[in-house]
Amino acid sequence: MEVNLNPDLQARLTRLAADRDSDAGTLVREAVERLVDYDEWFLREVREGVAAADRGELIDHEDIGKLIDSRYRG
């Protein structure tokens, strides 16, 4: 697989790799892995949420307000 980066991004990536005593290819692989892991997690959570809603497992608006207030007291 080939990934084309604009010169500015390539230079930033090279500097970051040097700062981390790594190489650009390793940083790109790590970044892609994090992106894929996150997207897989996010899509799984969305599917679970939609399935719960389809089953009628919804939370009342007032209950959400209470939950938010209990966690983030100002």
PDB file of N, CA and C in Angstrom:
ATOM      1  N   MET A   1       0.846  -1.172   0.000  1.00  0.00           N
ATOM      2  CA  MET A   1       0.000   0.000   0.000  1.00  0.00           C
ATOM      3  C   MET A   1       0.893   1.238   0.000  1.00  0.00           C
ATOM      4  N   GLU A   2       0.463   2.210  -0.725  1.00  0.00           N
ATOM      5  CA  GLU A   2       1.175   3.479  -0.768  1.00  0.00           C
ATOM      6  C   GLU A   2       0.284   4.570  -0.238  1.00  0.00           C
ATOM      7  N   VAL A   3       0.871   5.478   0.538  1.00  0.00           N
ATOM      8  CA  VAL A   3       0.134   6.623   1.058  1.00  0.00           C
ATOM      9  C   VAL A   3       0.879   7.875   0.619  1.00  0.00           C
ATOM     10  N   ASN A   4       0.179   8.759  -0.046  1.00  0.00           N
ATOM     11  CA  ASN A   4       0.787  10.004  -0.511  1.00  0.00           C
ATOM     12  C   ASN A   4       0.461  11.127   0.469  1.00  0.00           C
ATOM     13  N   LEU A   5       1.490  11.762   0.968  1.00  0.00           N
ATOM     14  CA  LEU A   5       1.331  12.877   1.894  1.00  0.00           C
ATOM     15  C   LEU A   5       1.862  14.140   1.248  1.00  0.00           C
ATOM     16  N   ASN A   6       1.232  15.264   1.575  1.00  0.00           N
ATOM     17  CA  ASN A   6       1.761  16.510   1.033  1.00  0.00           C
ATOM     18  C   ASN A   6       3.103  16.800   1.713  1.00  0.00           C
ATOM     19  N   PRO A   7       3.935  17.600   1.099  1.00  0.00           N
ATOM     20  CA  PRO A   7       5.284  17.837   1.633  1.00  0.00           C
ATOM     21  C   PRO A   7       5.299  18.366   3.066  1.00  0.00           C
ATOM     22  N   ASP A   8       4.359  19.233   3.408  1.00  0.00           N
ATOM     23  CA  ASP A   8       4.325  19.784   4.760  1.00  0.00           C
ATOM     24  C   ASP A   8       4.047  18.681   5.778  1.00  0.00           C
ATOM     25  N   LEU A   9       3.064  17.838   5.512  1.00  0.00           N
ATOM     26  CA  LEU A   9       2.740  16.749   6.429  1.00  0.00           C
ATOM     27  C   LEU A   9       3.887  15.749   6.510  1.00  0.00           C
ATOM     28  N   GLN A  10       4.514  15.473   5.410  1.00  0.00           N
ATOM     29  CA  GLN A  10       5.668  14.562   5.397  1.00  0.00           C
ATOM     30  C   GLN A  10       6.794  15.115   6.270  1.00  0.00           C
ATOM     31  N   ALA A  11       7.058  16.408   6.166  1.00  0.00           N
ATOM     32  CA  ALA A  11       8.115  17.023   6.975  1.00  0.00           C
ATOM     33  C   ALA A  11       7.768  16.971   8.453  1.00  0.00           C
ATOM     34  N   ARG A  12       6.517  17.251   8.794  1.00  0.00           N
ATOM     35  CA  ARG A  12       6.083  17.184  10.187  1.00  0.00           C
ATOM     36  C   ARG A  12       6.202  15.768  10.729  1.00  0.00           C
ATOM     37  N   LEU A  13       5.804  14.807   9.926  1.00  0.00           N
ATOM     38  CA  LEU A  13       5.900  13.406  10.323  1.00  0.00           C
ATOM     39  C   LEU A  13       7.354  13.000  10.547  1.00  0.00           C
ATOM     40  N   THR A  14       8.216  13.419   9.673  1.00  0.00           N
ATOM     41  CA  THR A  14       9.644  13.104   9.800  1.00  0.00           C
ATOM     42  C   THR A  14      10.222  13.710  11.069  1.00  0.00           C
ATOM     43  N   ARG A  15       9.854  14.977  11.362  1.00  0.00           N
ATOM     44  CA  ARG A  15      10.329  15.625  12.594  1.00  0.00           C
ATOM     45  C   ARG A  15       9.809  14.905  13.831  1.00  0.00           C
ATOM     46  N   LEU A  16       8.535  14.540  13.810  1.00  0.00           N
ATOM     47  CA  LEU A  16       7.943  13.842  14.944  1.00  0.00           C
ATOM     48  C   LEU A  16       8.616  12.488  15.158  1.00  0.00           C
ATOM     49  N   ALA A  17       8.857  11.787  14.088  1.00  0.00           N
ATOM     50  CA  ALA A  17       9.530  10.488  14.190  1.00  0.00           C
ATOM     51  C   ALA A  17      10.915  10.660  14.809  1.00  0.00           C
ATOM     52  N   ALA A  18      11.639  11.667  14.375  1.00  0.00           N
ATOM     53  CA  ALA A  18      12.975  11.912  14.916  1.00  0.00           C
ATOM     54  C   ALA A  18      12.897  12.257  16.403  1.00  0.00           C
ATOM     55  N   ASP A  19      11.918  13.059  16.780  1.00  0.00           N
ATOM     56  CA  ASP A  19      11.740  13.421  18.190  1.00  0.00           C
ATOM     57  C   ASP A  19      11.438  12.198  19.051  1.00  0.00           C
ATOM     58  N   ARG A  20      10.806  11.208  18.457  1.00  0.00           N
ATOM     59  CA  ARG A  20      10.437  10.000  19.200  1.00  0.00           C
ATOM     60  C   ARG A  20      11.442   8.866  19.004  1.00  0.00           C
ATOM     61  N   ASP A  21      12.568   9.174  18.374  1.00  0.00           N
ATOM     62  CA  ASP A  21      13.561   8.136  18.068  1.00  0.00           C
ATOM     63  C   ASP A  21      12.921   6.959  17.341  1.00  0.00           C
ATOM     64  N   SER A  22      12.136   7.294  16.335  1.00  0.00           N
ATOM     65  CA  SER A  22      11.423   6.288  15.554  1.00  0.00           C
ATOM     66  C   SER A  22      11.579   6.626  14.083  1.00  0.00           C
ATOM     67  N   ASP A  23      10.827   5.936  13.263  1.00  0.00           N
ATOM     68  CA  ASP A  23      10.822   6.279  11.839  1.00  0.00           C
ATOM     69  C   ASP A  23       9.387   6.568  11.415  1.00  0.00           C
ATOM     70  N   ALA A  24       9.251   7.260  10.305  1.00  0.00           N
ATOM     71  CA  ALA A  24       7.934   7.705   9.842  1.00  0.00           C
ATOM     72  C   ALA A  24       6.998   6.527   9.585  1.00  0.00           C
ATOM     73  N   GLY A  25       7.515   5.447   9.034  1.00  0.00           N
ATOM     74  CA  GLY A  25       6.668   4.286   8.745  1.00  0.00           C
ATOM     75  C   GLY A  25       6.041   3.702   9.994  1.00  0.00           C
ATOM     76  N   THR A  26       6.821   3.650  11.072  1.00  0.00           N
ATOM     77  CA  THR A  26       6.295   3.134  12.336  1.00  0.00           C
ATOM     78  C   THR A  26       5.194   4.033  12.867  1.00  0.00           C
ATOM     79  N   LEU A  27       5.412   5.345  12.810  1.00  0.00           N
ATOM     80  CA  LEU A  27       4.386   6.281  13.282  1.00  0.00           C
ATOM     81  C   LEU A  27       3.109   6.167  12.471  1.00  0.00           C
ATOM     82  N   VAL A  28       3.243   6.011  11.167  1.00  0.00           N
ATOM     83  CA  VAL A  28       2.056   5.880  10.316  1.00  0.00           C
ATOM     84  C   VAL A  28       1.303   4.607  10.667  1.00  0.00           C
ATOM     85  N   ARG A  29       2.014   3.493  10.839  1.00  0.00           N
ATOM     86  CA  ARG A  29       1.343   2.241  11.204  1.00  0.00           C
ATOM     87  C   ARG A  29       0.619   2.377  12.541  1.00  0.00           C
ATOM     88  N   GLU A  30       1.282   3.002  13.522  1.00  0.00           N
ATOM     89  CA  GLU A  30       0.654   3.201  14.824  1.00  0.00           C
ATOM     90  C   GLU A  30      -0.603   4.068  14.709  1.00  0.00           C
ATOM     91  N   ALA A  31      -0.516   5.118  13.928  1.00  0.00           N
ATOM     92  CA  ALA A  31      -1.654   6.020  13.761  1.00  0.00           C
ATOM     93  C   ALA A  31      -2.820   5.314  13.069  1.00  0.00           C
ATOM     94  N   VAL A  32      -2.524   4.554  12.045  1.00  0.00           N
ATOM     95  CA  VAL A  32      -3.584   3.831  11.327  1.00  0.00           C
ATOM     96  C   VAL A  32      -4.218   2.794  12.248  1.00  0.00           C
ATOM     97  N   GLU A  33      -3.402   2.118  13.042  1.00  0.00           N
ATOM     98  CA  GLU A  33      -3.942   1.123  13.969  1.00  0.00           C
ATOM     99  C   GLU A  33      -4.881   1.774  14.984  1.00  0.00           C
ATOM    100  N   ARG A  34      -4.475   2.944  15.524  1.00  0.00           N
ATOM    101  CA  ARG A  34      -5.346   3.652  16.464  1.00  0.00           C
ATOM    102  C   ARG A  34      -6.646   4.074  15.802  1.00  0.00           C
ATOM    103  N   LEU A  35      -6.561   4.561  14.584  1.00  0.00           N
ATOM    104  CA  LEU A  35      -7.757   4.979  13.853  1.00  0.00           C
ATOM    105  C   LEU A  35      -8.697   3.805  13.622  1.00  0.00           C
ATOM    106  N   VAL A  36      -8.154   2.693  13.161  1.00  0.00           N
ATOM    107  CA  VAL A  36      -8.975   1.516  12.881  1.00  0.00           C
ATOM    108  C   VAL A  36      -9.589   0.984  14.175  1.00  0.00           C
ATOM    109  N   ASP A  37      -8.789   0.891  15.242  1.00  0.00           N
ATOM    110  CA  ASP A  37      -9.311   0.429  16.532  1.00  0.00           C
ATOM    111  C   ASP A  37     -10.459   1.314  16.998  1.00  0.00           C
ATOM    112  N   TYR A  38     -10.268   2.627  16.912  1.00  0.00           N
ATOM    113  CA  TYR A  38     -11.315   3.552  17.346  1.00  0.00           C
ATOM    114  C   TYR A  38     -12.573   3.418  16.491  1.00  0.00           C
ATOM    115  N   ASP A  39     -12.420   3.388  15.181  1.00  0.00           N
ATOM    116  CA  ASP A  39     -13.581   3.288  14.310  1.00  0.00           C
ATOM    117  C   ASP A  39     -14.336   1.981  14.523  1.00  0.00           C
ATOM    118  N   GLU A  40     -13.611   0.879  14.736  1.00  0.00           N
ATOM    119  CA  GLU A  40     -14.281  -0.391  15.023  1.00  0.00           C
ATOM    120  C   GLU A  40     -15.068  -0.302  16.326  1.00  0.00           C
ATOM    121  N   TRP A  41     -14.443   0.277  17.359  1.00  0.00           N
ATOM    122  CA  TRP A  41     -15.130   0.451  18.637  1.00  0.00           C
ATOM    123  C   TRP A  41     -16.363   1.337  18.467  1.00  0.00           C
ATOM    124  N   PHE A  42     -16.219   2.459  17.796  1.00  0.00           N
ATOM    125  CA  PHE A  42     -17.319   3.402  17.624  1.00  0.00           C
ATOM    126  C   PHE A  42     -18.489   2.756  16.894  1.00  0.00           C
ATOM    127  N   LEU A  43     -18.210   2.081  15.787  1.00  0.00           N
ATOM    128  CA  LEU A  43     -19.283   1.440  15.029  1.00  0.00           C
ATOM    129  C   LEU A  43     -19.971   0.344  15.848  1.00  0.00           C
ATOM    130  N   ARG A  44     -19.205  -0.399  16.631  1.00  0.00           N
ATOM    131  CA  ARG A  44     -19.782  -1.421  17.493  1.00  0.00           C
ATOM    132  C   ARG A  44     -20.718  -0.781  18.521  1.00  0.00           C
ATOM    133  N   GLU A  45     -20.287   0.325  19.119  1.00  0.00           N
ATOM    134  CA  GLU A  45     -21.120   1.013  20.101  1.00  0.00           C
ATOM    135  C   GLU A  45     -22.393   1.571  19.465  1.00  0.00           C
ATOM    136  N   VAL A  46     -22.282   2.113  18.261  1.00  0.00           N
ATOM    137  CA  VAL A  46     -23.461   2.643  17.573  1.00  0.00           C
ATOM    138  C   VAL A  46     -24.443   1.508  17.291  1.00  0.00           C
ATOM    139  N   ARG A  47     -23.943   0.384  16.790  1.00  0.00           N
ATOM    140  CA  ARG A  47     -24.834  -0.760  16.513  1.00  0.00           C
ATOM    141  C   ARG A  47     -25.536  -1.225  17.780  1.00  0.00           C
ATOM    142  N   GLU A  48     -24.794  -1.301  18.882  1.00  0.00           N
ATOM    143  CA  GLU A  48     -25.402  -1.707  20.153  1.00  0.00           C
ATOM    144  C   GLU A  48     -26.453  -0.708  20.602  1.00  0.00           C
ATOM    145  N   GLY A  49     -26.186   0.574  20.425  1.00  0.00           N
ATOM    146  CA  GLY A  49     -27.150   1.604  20.793  1.00  0.00           C
ATOM    147  C   GLY A  49     -28.408   1.547  19.944  1.00  0.00           C
ATOM    148  N   VAL A  50     -28.248   1.344  18.659  1.00  0.00           N
ATOM    149  CA  VAL A  50     -29.404   1.245  17.761  1.00  0.00           C
ATOM    150  C   VAL A  50     -30.226   0.007  18.114  1.00  0.00           C
ATOM    151  N   ALA A  51     -29.557  -1.105  18.384  1.00  0.00           N
ATOM    152  CA  ALA A  51     -30.265  -2.331  18.751  1.00  0.00           C
ATOM    153  C   ALA A  51     -31.039  -2.129  20.057  1.00  0.00           C
ATOM    154  N   ALA A  52     -30.430  -1.456  21.028  1.00  0.00           N
ATOM    155  CA  ALA A  52     -31.124  -1.181  22.285  1.00  0.00           C
ATOM    156  C   ALA A  52     -32.346  -0.296  22.043  1.00  0.00           C
ATOM    157  N   ALA A  53     -32.189   0.718  21.208  1.00  0.00           N
ATOM    158  CA  ALA A  53     -33.323   1.598  20.887  1.00  0.00           C
ATOM    159  C   ALA A  53     -34.415   0.817  20.178  1.00  0.00           C
ATOM    160  N   ASP A  54     -34.044  -0.067  19.269  1.00  0.00           N
ATOM    161  CA  ASP A  54     -35.038  -0.893  18.565  1.00  0.00           C
ATOM    162  C   ASP A  54     -35.813  -1.779  19.546  1.00  0.00           C
ATOM    163  N   ARG A  55     -35.154  -2.193  20.639  1.00  0.00           N
ATOM    164  CA  ARG A  55     -35.825  -3.010  21.656  1.00  0.00           C
ATOM    165  C   ARG A  55     -36.638  -2.152  22.622  1.00  0.00           C
ATOM    166  N   GLY A  56     -36.575  -0.821  22.438  1.00  0.00           N
ATOM    167  CA  GLY A  56     -37.307   0.083  23.310  1.00  0.00           C
ATOM    168  C   GLY A  56     -36.566   0.435  24.578  1.00  0.00           C
ATOM    169  N   GLU A  57     -35.288   0.131  24.639  1.00  0.00           N
ATOM    170  CA  GLU A  57     -34.486   0.423  25.820  1.00  0.00           C
ATOM    171  C   GLU A  57     -33.956   1.853  25.726  1.00  0.00           C
ATOM    172  N   LEU A  58     -34.817   2.785  26.059  1.00  0.00           N
ATOM    173  CA  LEU A  58     -34.477   4.195  25.953  1.00  0.00           C
ATOM    174  C   LEU A  58     -34.440   4.818  27.340  1.00  0.00           C
ATOM    175  N   ILE A  59     -33.716   5.910  27.471  1.00  0.00           N
ATOM    176  CA  ILE A  59     -33.623   6.617  28.741  1.00  0.00           C
ATOM    177  C   ILE A  59     -34.414   7.915  28.620  1.00  0.00           C
ATOM    178  N   ASP A  60     -35.252   8.157  29.597  1.00  0.00           N
ATOM    179  CA  ASP A  60     -36.100   9.333  29.627  1.00  0.00           C
ATOM    180  C   ASP A  60     -35.252  10.607  29.702  1.00  0.00           C
ATOM    181  N   HIS A  61     -35.724  11.671  29.085  1.00  0.00           N
ATOM    182  CA  HIS A  61     -35.007  12.945  29.038  1.00  0.00           C
ATOM    183  C   HIS A  61     -34.657  13.455  30.440  1.00  0.00           C
ATOM    184  N   GLU A  62     -35.611  13.386  31.360  1.00  0.00           N
ATOM    185  CA  GLU A  62     -35.357  13.867  32.716  1.00  0.00           C
ATOM    186  C   GLU A  62     -34.264  13.041  33.396  1.00  0.00           C
ATOM    187  N   ASP A  63     -34.263  11.731  33.146  1.00  0.00           N
ATOM    188  CA  ASP A  63     -33.237  10.871  33.749  1.00  0.00           C
ATOM    189  C   ASP A  63     -31.845  11.204  33.222  1.00  0.00           C
ATOM    190  N   ILE A  64     -31.762  11.537  31.959  1.00  0.00           N
ATOM    191  CA  ILE A  64     -30.470  11.950  31.395  1.00  0.00           C
ATOM    192  C   ILE A  64     -30.002  13.238  32.059  1.00  0.00           C
ATOM    193  N   GLY A  65     -30.920  14.175  32.234  1.00  0.00           N
ATOM    194  CA  GLY A  65     -30.578  15.432  32.906  1.00  0.00           C
ATOM    195  C   GLY A  65     -30.053  15.193  34.309  1.00  0.00           C
ATOM    196  N   LYS A  66     -30.703  14.288  35.042  1.00  0.00           N
ATOM    197  CA  LYS A  66     -30.248  13.961  36.400  1.00  0.00           C
ATOM    198  C   LYS A  66     -28.870  13.316  36.372  1.00  0.00           C
ATOM    199  N   LEU A  67     -28.641  12.429  35.420  1.00  0.00           N
ATOM    200  CA  LEU A  67     -27.342  11.768  35.302  1.00  0.00           C
ATOM    201  C   LEU A  67     -26.236  12.786  35.024  1.00  0.00           C
ATOM    202  N   ILE A  68     -26.495  13.686  34.099  1.00  0.00           N
ATOM    203  CA  ILE A  68     -25.510  14.719  33.766  1.00  0.00           C
ATOM    204  C   ILE A  68     -25.256  15.612  34.976  1.00  0.00           C
ATOM    205  N   ASP A  69     -26.333  16.018  35.652  1.00  0.00           N
ATOM    206  CA  ASP A  69     -26.170  16.879  36.827  1.00  0.00           C
ATOM    207  C   ASP A  69     -25.373  16.194  37.928  1.00  0.00           C
ATOM    208  N   SER A  70     -25.585  14.889  38.095  1.00  0.00           N
ATOM    209  CA  SER A  70     -24.868  14.181  39.161  1.00  0.00           C
ATOM    210  C   SER A  70     -23.380  14.023  38.850  1.00  0.00           C
ATOM    211  N   ARG A  71     -23.036  13.977  37.577  1.00  0.00           N
ATOM    212  CA  ARG A  71     -21.635  13.804  37.201  1.00  0.00           C
ATOM    213  C   ARG A  71     -20.883  15.116  37.064  1.00  0.00           C
ATOM    214  N   TYR A  72     -21.596  16.164  36.709  1.00  0.00           N
ATOM    215  CA  TYR A  72     -20.949  17.459  36.414  1.00  0.00           C
ATOM    216  C   TYR A  72     -21.599  18.577  37.218  1.00  0.00           C
ATOM    217  N   ARG A  73     -21.419  18.509  38.482  1.00  0.00           N
ATOM    218  CA  ARG A  73     -22.000  19.567  39.338  1.00  0.00           C
ATOM    219  C   ARG A  73     -21.177  20.841  39.193  1.00  0.00           C
ATOM    220  N   GLY A  74     -21.852  21.924  38.922  1.00  0.00           N
ATOM    221  CA  GLY A  74     -21.171  23.177  38.685  1.00  0.00           C
ATOM    222  C   GLY A  74     -21.073  23.974  39.873  1.00  0.00           C
TER     223      GLY A  74
END
